[in-house]
N, C-alpha and C. Protein backbone atom coordinates (compact mmCIF):
# COMPACT_ATOMS: atom_id res chain seq x y z
N MET A 1 -15.79 -1.56 -23.27
CA MET A 1 -14.46 -2.46 -21.80
C MET A 1 -13.69 -1.84 -23.08
N THR A 2 -12.87 -0.90 -21.20
CA THR A 2 -11.12 -0.66 -22.20
C THR A 2 -10.80 0.16 -21.02
N VAL A 3 -9.40 -1.39 -21.13
CA VAL A 3 -8.38 -1.29 -19.59
C VAL A 3 -6.97 -0.91 -20.56
N SER A 4 -6.52 -0.41 -19.41
CA SER A 4 -5.59 0.26 -20.03
C SER A 4 -4.83 -0.23 -18.40
N LEU A 5 -3.22 0.60 -19.16
CA LEU A 5 -1.70 -0.37 -18.20
C LEU A 5 -2.07 0.36 -16.71
N ASN A 6 -2.41 0.45 -15.74
CA ASN A 6 -2.28 1.25 -14.32
C ASN A 6 -0.57 1.62 -14.43
N ARG A 7 -0.48 2.71 -14.41
CA ARG A 7 0.55 2.45 -14.06
C ARG A 7 1.56 2.98 -12.77
N THR A 8 0.56 3.63 -12.09
CA THR A 8 0.59 3.48 -10.12
C THR A 8 0.74 1.83 -9.97
N ALA A 9 -0.41 0.54 -10.04
CA ALA A 9 0.03 -0.18 -9.77
C ALA A 9 1.47 -1.41 -10.67
N LEU A 10 1.97 -0.24 -11.40
CA LEU A 10 3.79 -1.24 -12.32
C LEU A 10 3.92 -0.70 -11.32
N THR A 11 4.10 0.89 -10.79
CA THR A 11 5.13 1.79 -10.02
C THR A 11 5.57 0.89 -8.60
N HIS A 12 4.03 0.41 -7.90
CA HIS A 12 3.88 -1.02 -6.79
C HIS A 12 4.78 -1.50 -6.95
N ALA A 13 3.72 -1.90 -8.34
CA ALA A 13 5.43 -3.74 -8.29
C ALA A 13 6.23 -3.65 -8.63
N ARG A 14 6.69 -2.34 -9.24
CA ARG A 14 8.46 -1.71 -8.85
C ARG A 14 9.24 -2.58 -8.29
N ARG A 15 8.24 -1.19 -7.28
CA ARG A 15 9.47 -1.32 -5.86
C ARG A 15 8.75 -2.16 -4.48
N LEU A 16 8.00 -3.43 -5.11
CA LEU A 16 8.01 -4.29 -4.32
C LEU A 16 9.18 -5.33 -4.49
N VAL A 17 9.16 -5.74 -5.73
CA VAL A 17 10.78 -5.91 -5.91
C VAL A 17 11.84 -5.70 -6.20
N GLU A 18 12.45 -4.64 -5.62
CA GLU A 18 12.99 -4.11 -5.54
C GLU A 18 13.42 -4.15 -4.00
N GLN A 19 12.31 -4.32 -3.13
CA GLN A 19 12.69 -4.16 -1.84
C GLN A 19 12.31 -5.81 -1.48
N GLY A 20 12.04 -6.64 -2.82
CA GLY A 20 12.58 -8.30 -1.70
C GLY A 20 11.89 -8.32 -1.36
N LYS A 21 10.48 -8.16 -1.95
CA LYS A 21 8.87 -8.39 -1.45
C LYS A 21 7.96 -9.53 -2.65
N VAL A 22 8.74 -10.19 -2.47
CA VAL A 22 8.51 -11.44 -4.20
C VAL A 22 8.30 -13.27 -3.45
N VAL A 23 7.30 -13.99 -4.67
CA VAL A 23 7.76 -15.23 -4.23
C VAL A 23 7.95 -15.17 -5.70
N ARG A 24 9.63 -15.90 -5.15
CA ARG A 24 10.20 -16.43 -7.10
C ARG A 24 8.73 -17.90 -7.66
N ASP A 25 7.98 -18.06 -7.40
CA ASP A 25 7.10 -19.08 -7.32
C ASP A 25 7.44 -19.33 -8.96
N GLU A 26 6.97 -20.98 -9.09
CA GLU A 26 6.23 -21.15 -10.64
C GLU A 26 5.14 -21.42 -11.14
N ARG A 27 4.93 -21.37 -12.43
CA ARG A 27 4.23 -21.14 -13.32
C ARG A 27 2.86 -20.97 -12.95
N ASP A 28 2.32 -22.10 -13.00
CA ASP A 28 1.07 -22.49 -12.60
C ASP A 28 0.32 -22.46 -10.82
N ALA A 29 0.97 -21.64 -10.27
CA ALA A 29 0.63 -21.70 -8.28
C ALA A 29 -0.19 -20.64 -8.39
N TRP A 30 -0.59 -19.53 -9.41
CA TRP A 30 -1.56 -18.32 -9.03
C TRP A 30 -2.52 -19.09 -8.43
N SER A 31 -3.11 -20.12 -8.64
CA SER A 31 -4.44 -20.27 -9.14
C SER A 31 -4.71 -20.82 -7.73
N GLU A 32 -3.23 -21.47 -6.67
CA GLU A 32 -3.69 -21.97 -5.08
C GLU A 32 -2.76 -20.71 -4.42
N ASP A 33 -2.25 -19.90 -4.94
CA ASP A 33 -1.59 -18.56 -4.48
C ASP A 33 -2.36 -17.51 -4.89
N ALA A 34 -3.42 -17.08 -5.19
CA ALA A 34 -4.20 -15.73 -5.57
C ALA A 34 -5.04 -15.95 -5.13
N PRO A 35 -5.24 -14.48 -3.74
CA PRO A 35 -6.19 -13.89 -3.16
C PRO A 35 -7.64 -14.82 -2.96
N SER A 36 -7.92 -14.60 -1.94
CA SER A 36 -9.29 -15.39 -2.03
C SER A 36 -10.32 -14.38 -1.54
N THR A 37 -11.50 -14.07 -2.49
CA THR A 37 -12.93 -13.14 -2.16
C THR A 37 -12.73 -12.66 -1.29
N ASP A 38 -12.93 -13.54 0.24
CA ASP A 38 -12.88 -13.13 0.94
C ASP A 38 -11.62 -12.54 1.00
N ASP A 39 -10.77 -12.91 1.02
CA ASP A 39 -9.38 -11.59 1.08
C ASP A 39 -9.12 -10.97 0.57
N GLU A 40 -9.89 -10.97 -0.77
CA GLU A 40 -10.34 -9.43 -1.61
C GLU A 40 -11.17 -8.43 -0.37
N ASN A 41 -11.75 -8.70 -0.45
CA ASN A 41 -12.63 -8.04 0.50
C ASN A 41 -12.44 -7.58 1.30
N ALA A 42 -11.73 -8.37 2.80
CA ALA A 42 -11.60 -7.94 3.79
C ALA A 42 -10.83 -6.45 3.74
N TYR A 43 -9.16 -6.28 2.28
CA TYR A 43 -8.36 -5.79 1.98
C TYR A 43 -9.22 -4.62 2.02
N ILE A 44 -10.01 -4.63 0.86
CA ILE A 44 -10.50 -3.31 0.85
C ILE A 44 -11.60 -2.74 1.86
N GLU A 45 -11.76 -3.82 2.48
CA GLU A 45 -12.39 -2.48 4.15
C GLU A 45 -11.51 -1.81 4.88
N LYS A 46 -10.43 -2.79 4.38
CA LYS A 46 -9.12 -1.93 5.99
C LYS A 46 -8.40 -1.01 5.11
N HIS A 47 -8.28 -1.22 3.80
CA HIS A 47 -7.62 0.02 2.64
C HIS A 47 -8.40 0.92 1.86
N GLY A 48 -8.88 0.49 1.22
CA GLY A 48 -10.31 1.00 0.07
C GLY A 48 -9.47 0.92 -1.21
N TYR A 49 -10.89 0.43 -1.84
CA TYR A 49 -10.40 0.14 -3.34
C TYR A 49 -9.71 1.09 -4.16
N GLY A 50 -8.46 2.50 -3.13
CA GLY A 50 -7.33 3.11 -4.20
C GLY A 50 -6.04 2.64 -3.71
N GLU A 51 -6.05 1.68 -2.51
CA GLU A 51 -4.64 0.93 -2.93
C GLU A 51 -5.14 -0.57 -3.30
N TYR A 52 -6.56 -1.23 -2.72
CA TYR A 52 -7.23 -2.69 -4.24
C TYR A 52 -6.11 -2.65 -5.35
N GLY A 53 -6.40 -1.09 -5.56
CA GLY A 53 -6.35 -1.30 -7.11
C GLY A 53 -4.79 -1.58 -7.79
N GLU A 54 -3.99 -0.73 -7.16
CA GLU A 54 -2.56 -0.96 -6.76
C GLU A 54 -2.11 -1.85 -6.36
N TRP A 55 -2.78 -3.62 -6.72
CA TRP A 55 -2.43 -4.67 -6.82
C TRP A 55 -2.86 -5.81 -8.47
N PHE A 56 -3.29 -4.83 -9.18
CA PHE A 56 -3.68 -5.21 -10.27
C PHE A 56 -3.27 -3.91 -11.80
N LEU A 57 -2.28 -4.94 -12.80
CA LEU A 57 -1.94 -4.19 -13.45
C LEU A 57 -3.16 -3.42 -15.03
N GLY A 58 -3.49 -3.79 -14.86
CA GLY A 58 -4.82 -3.52 -16.29
C GLY A 58 -6.15 -2.90 -14.84
N THR A 59 -6.69 -1.78 -14.73
CA THR A 59 -7.48 -0.55 -15.17
C THR A 59 -8.91 -0.19 -15.91
N ASP A 60 -9.97 -0.66 -16.11
CA ASP A 60 -10.99 0.46 -16.94
C ASP A 60 -11.77 1.22 -16.46
N THR A 61 -11.07 2.24 -16.65
CA THR A 61 -11.87 4.03 -16.52
C THR A 61 -13.43 3.86 -16.54
N GLU A 62 -13.81 2.74 -17.60
CA GLU A 62 -15.15 3.08 -18.00
C GLU A 62 -16.32 2.40 -16.60
N LYS A 63 -15.09 1.72 -16.05
CA LYS A 63 -16.15 1.03 -14.65
C LYS A 63 -16.04 1.84 -13.12
N ASN A 64 -16.42 1.78 -12.08
CA ASN A 64 -16.91 3.04 -11.25
C ASN A 64 -15.74 2.47 -10.53
N ALA A 65 -14.92 3.74 -9.62
CA ALA A 65 -13.36 3.10 -9.64
C ALA A 65 -13.78 2.41 -7.47
N GLU A 66 -15.17 2.20 -7.25
CA GLU A 66 -15.73 1.55 -6.16
C GLU A 66 -15.94 0.27 -6.24
N THR A 67 -15.54 -0.52 -7.94
CA THR A 67 -15.58 -1.30 -8.20
C THR A 67 -14.28 -3.15 -7.52
N LYS A 68 -14.56 -3.90 -7.32
CA LYS A 68 -14.14 -4.49 -8.54
C LYS A 68 -13.58 -4.96 -9.75
N GLY A 69 -14.44 -4.40 -10.53
CA GLY A 69 -14.89 -5.24 -11.52
C GLY A 69 -13.78 -3.64 -12.61
N ARG A 70 -13.66 -2.61 -11.58
CA ARG A 70 -12.81 -1.89 -12.79
C ARG A 70 -11.01 -2.65 -12.55
N TYR A 71 -11.28 -3.33 -11.64
CA TYR A 71 -9.42 -3.80 -11.53
C TYR A 71 -9.63 -5.57 -12.91
N SER A 72 -8.66 -5.43 -13.20
CA SER A 72 -8.14 -6.63 -14.00
C SER A 72 -6.42 -6.84 -13.85
N PHE A 73 -5.71 -8.41 -14.37
CA PHE A 73 -4.47 -8.41 -14.04
C PHE A 73 -3.44 -8.24 -12.93
N PRO A 74 -4.39 -8.99 -11.91
CA PRO A 74 -4.01 -8.70 -10.59
C PRO A 74 -1.81 -9.84 -10.81
N PHE A 75 -1.20 -9.40 -9.45
CA PHE A 75 0.34 -10.14 -9.80
C PHE A 75 0.38 -10.14 -8.10
N GLY A 76 -0.33 -10.03 -7.82
CA GLY A 76 0.66 -10.26 -6.03
C GLY A 76 -0.76 -10.65 -5.38
N ASP A 77 -0.55 -10.87 -3.74
CA ASP A 77 -1.40 -11.13 -2.87
C ASP A 77 -1.48 -10.45 -1.23
N PHE A 78 -1.64 -8.60 -2.24
CA PHE A 78 -1.29 -7.93 -0.44
C PHE A 78 -0.37 -7.83 -0.32
N SER A 79 0.63 -8.58 -0.50
CA SER A 79 1.49 -8.16 0.60
C SER A 79 3.50 -8.64 -0.19
N LYS A 80 3.10 -9.20 -0.91
CA LYS A 80 4.27 -9.66 -2.65
C LYS A 80 3.87 -10.02 -3.34
N VAL A 81 5.12 -9.16 -4.42
CA VAL A 81 3.79 -9.79 -5.73
C VAL A 81 4.96 -11.46 -5.44
N HIS A 82 3.84 -11.71 -7.01
CA HIS A 82 4.27 -13.62 -7.26
C HIS A 82 4.45 -13.57 -8.84
N ARG A 83 5.70 -14.20 -8.72
CA ARG A 83 5.93 -14.31 -9.74
C ARG A 83 5.35 -14.92 -10.71
N CYS A 84 4.59 -16.40 -10.45
CA CYS A 84 3.19 -17.38 -10.54
C CYS A 84 1.52 -16.08 -11.82
N ALA A 85 2.23 -14.90 -10.80
CA ALA A 85 0.81 -13.58 -11.51
C ALA A 85 1.66 -13.58 -12.13
N VAL A 86 2.21 -12.56 -12.06
CA VAL A 86 3.64 -11.79 -13.65
C VAL A 86 3.07 -13.01 -14.95
N ILE A 87 3.40 -14.15 -14.67
CA ILE A 87 3.25 -14.98 -16.14
C ILE A 87 2.55 -15.33 -16.35
N SER A 88 1.35 -15.64 -15.20
CA SER A 88 -0.58 -15.50 -16.07
C SER A 88 -1.38 -14.20 -16.90
N LEU A 89 -0.22 -12.99 -16.25
CA LEU A 89 -1.10 -12.11 -16.32
C LEU A 89 -0.37 -11.06 -16.96
N GLU A 90 1.17 -11.44 -17.77
CA GLU A 90 0.90 -11.76 -19.37
C GLU A 90 0.25 -12.89 -20.20
N SER A 91 0.24 -13.33 -20.08
CA SER A 91 -0.25 -14.61 -21.33
C SER A 91 -1.75 -14.57 -20.93
N ARG A 92 -2.56 -13.83 -20.36
CA ARG A 92 -4.05 -13.33 -20.65
C ARG A 92 -4.07 -12.31 -21.48
N ALA A 93 -3.18 -11.00 -21.16
CA ALA A 93 -2.79 -10.11 -21.55
C ALA A 93 -2.57 -9.92 -22.97
N ALA A 94 -1.23 -10.80 -23.48
CA ALA A 94 -1.62 -10.74 -24.07
C ALA A 94 -1.80 -11.09 -25.16
N GLN A 95 -2.83 -12.16 -24.99
CA GLN A 95 -4.01 -13.40 -25.59
C GLN A 95 -5.05 -11.92 -25.65
N ASN A 96 -5.35 -11.00 -25.08
CA ASN A 96 -6.61 -10.20 -25.46
C ASN A 96 -6.05 -9.22 -26.24
N ASP A 97 -4.75 -8.65 -26.03
CA ASP A 97 -4.88 -8.09 -27.09
C ASP A 97 -4.23 -6.81 -26.14
N HIS A 98 -3.85 -6.82 -24.91
CA HIS A 98 -3.13 -5.24 -24.25
C HIS A 98 -1.97 -5.75 -24.32
N ASP A 99 -1.44 -5.66 -25.38
CA ASP A 99 0.00 -5.07 -25.25
C ASP A 99 0.56 -3.75 -25.08
N ASP A 100 0.53 -3.36 -24.08
CA ASP A 100 1.34 -2.29 -22.59
C ASP A 100 1.35 -3.03 -21.82
N ILE A 101 -0.07 -3.71 -21.52
CA ILE A 101 -0.43 -4.42 -19.71
C ILE A 101 1.02 -5.64 -20.27
N ALA A 102 0.62 -6.50 -21.37
CA ALA A 102 1.62 -7.65 -21.28
C ALA A 102 2.95 -7.60 -21.36
N LYS A 103 3.50 -5.88 -21.78
CA LYS A 103 4.99 -5.64 -21.78
C LYS A 103 5.56 -5.32 -20.86
N ALA A 104 4.03 -4.75 -19.94
CA ALA A 104 4.87 -4.53 -18.97
C ALA A 104 5.17 -5.79 -17.34
N ALA A 105 4.31 -6.57 -18.38
CA ALA A 105 4.39 -7.30 -16.95
C ALA A 105 6.38 -8.32 -17.75
N LYS A 106 6.01 -8.16 -19.12
CA LYS A 106 7.33 -9.21 -19.48
C LYS A 106 8.88 -8.33 -18.72
N ASN A 107 9.15 -6.90 -18.52
CA ASN A 107 9.73 -5.83 -18.46
C ASN A 107 9.91 -6.50 -16.67
N LEU A 108 8.83 -6.76 -16.04
CA LEU A 108 8.00 -6.70 -14.46
C LEU A 108 8.94 -7.88 -13.93
N LEU A 109 8.44 -9.47 -15.36
CA LEU A 109 8.94 -10.74 -15.17
C LEU A 109 10.56 -10.55 -15.05
N GLU A 110 10.69 -9.36 -16.13
CA GLU A 110 12.46 -9.08 -16.08
C GLU A 110 13.47 -9.28 -15.07
N LEU A 111 12.72 -8.13 -14.12
CA LEU A 111 13.38 -7.49 -12.80
C LEU A 111 13.16 -9.09 -12.00
N ILE A 112 12.32 -8.94 -11.30
CA ILE A 112 12.14 -10.35 -10.46
C ILE A 112 13.02 -11.77 -11.09
N ASP A 113 13.12 -11.76 -11.72
CA ASP A 113 14.15 -12.64 -12.35
C ASP A 113 16.09 -12.54 -13.05
N LYS A 114 15.69 -10.70 -12.42
CA LYS A 114 17.32 -10.67 -12.62
C LYS A 114 18.07 -11.35 -11.87
N ASP A 115 17.73 -11.62 -10.66
CA ASP A 115 18.47 -11.61 -9.60
C ASP A 115 18.20 -13.20 -8.74
N ARG A 116 18.17 -13.71 -9.59
CA ARG A 116 17.89 -15.44 -9.55
C ARG A 116 19.18 -16.32 -9.71
């Protein structure tokens, strides 16, 4: 498995934060705020895997582009960036030695918190 930073998703996340499309929630809220499997499937059906992938900072190019398994490290709910998701993904990325993803998440978190 080769997971690398999804730069398209990072650009998408930054743009959303700059537009104010962010939920400034607390650290442990992601388990309740994360989209359900049904939400994910509905989004894919409506928008396709290309747009679905824009909500994940990690991508595994060894996996088929038309599968959920290609994407990891979600940062939002398909409408807004969630601060709690960014905190969670930064921690998981660092634990799994995905330093580029962890650094990108840290920078994204700083952008989110800049206007607090």
